[in-house]
Amino acid sequence: MTTTIEETKTCPVCKKSFTRKQLRISIQQWGIRIYCSRKCYFKTSVWKKP
C-alpha cells in the first residue's frame, strides 16, 4: 500500500492552506510570484524545497 503525502503549506498573505498542486507560479525577472488562489499571491525570490 502506497500513500502519497500531499504537502500542505500556509499562505503567508491570506493564511489559507494550499497544496503544491494548487499553485500557479509566475516567474518574473525579480523573482517568483506564487498564486495560492485566484485573488491571492505572494512573492518569493527562492522557492525552498524542504
Protein backbone atom coordinates (compact mmCIF):
# COMPACT_ATOMS: atom_id res chain seq x y z
CA MET A 1 0.00 0.00 0.00
CA THR A 2 1.41 3.32 -1.01
CA THR A 3 0.40 6.60 0.48
CA THR A 4 1.12 9.88 -1.21
CA ILE A 5 1.83 12.66 1.21
CA GLU A 6 0.42 15.89 -0.12
CA GLU A 7 2.47 18.71 1.26
CA THR A 8 0.31 21.48 2.63
CA LYS A 9 1.63 24.97 3.13
CA THR A 10 0.03 28.04 4.59
CA CYS A 11 -0.11 31.18 2.55
CA PRO A 12 1.70 33.99 4.38
CA VAL A 13 -0.75 36.53 2.98
CA CYS A 14 -4.25 35.13 3.40
CA LYS A 15 -3.39 32.33 5.87
CA LYS A 16 -5.23 29.70 3.86
CA SER A 17 -3.64 26.34 3.44
CA PHE A 18 -2.92 25.04 -0.01
CA THR A 19 -1.19 22.13 -1.62
CA ARG A 20 1.58 22.38 -4.12
CA LYS A 21 -0.70 21.06 -6.88
CA GLN A 22 -2.97 24.07 -6.46
CA LEU A 23 -0.20 26.55 -7.02
CA ARG A 24 0.20 28.60 -10.11
CA ILE A 25 3.66 30.07 -10.34
CA SER A 26 4.53 33.14 -12.33
CA ILE A 27 8.24 33.64 -12.86
CA GLN A 28 9.33 37.25 -13.18
CA GLN A 29 12.74 38.81 -13.56
CA TRP A 30 12.89 39.82 -9.91
CA GLY A 31 11.72 36.52 -8.53
CA ILE A 32 8.76 34.21 -8.38
CA ARG A 33 5.14 35.06 -7.76
CA ILE A 34 3.17 32.18 -6.31
CA TYR A 35 -0.61 32.21 -6.55
CA CYS A 36 -2.35 30.19 -3.87
CA SER A 37 -5.75 31.18 -5.23
CA ARG A 38 -7.18 33.35 -7.94
CA LYS A 39 -7.02 36.51 -5.84
CA CYS A 40 -4.09 35.89 -3.58
CA TYR A 41 -0.42 35.61 -4.33
CA PHE A 42 2.85 36.05 -2.53
CA LYS A 43 6.31 36.75 -3.79
CA THR A 44 9.41 34.75 -3.19
CA SER A 45 12.89 35.01 -4.54
CA VAL A 46 13.60 31.34 -3.88
CA TRP A 47 11.02 28.60 -3.54
CA LYS A 48 12.66 26.38 -0.99
CA LYS A 49 12.11 22.66 -1.00
CA PRO A 50 12.25 21.06 2.44
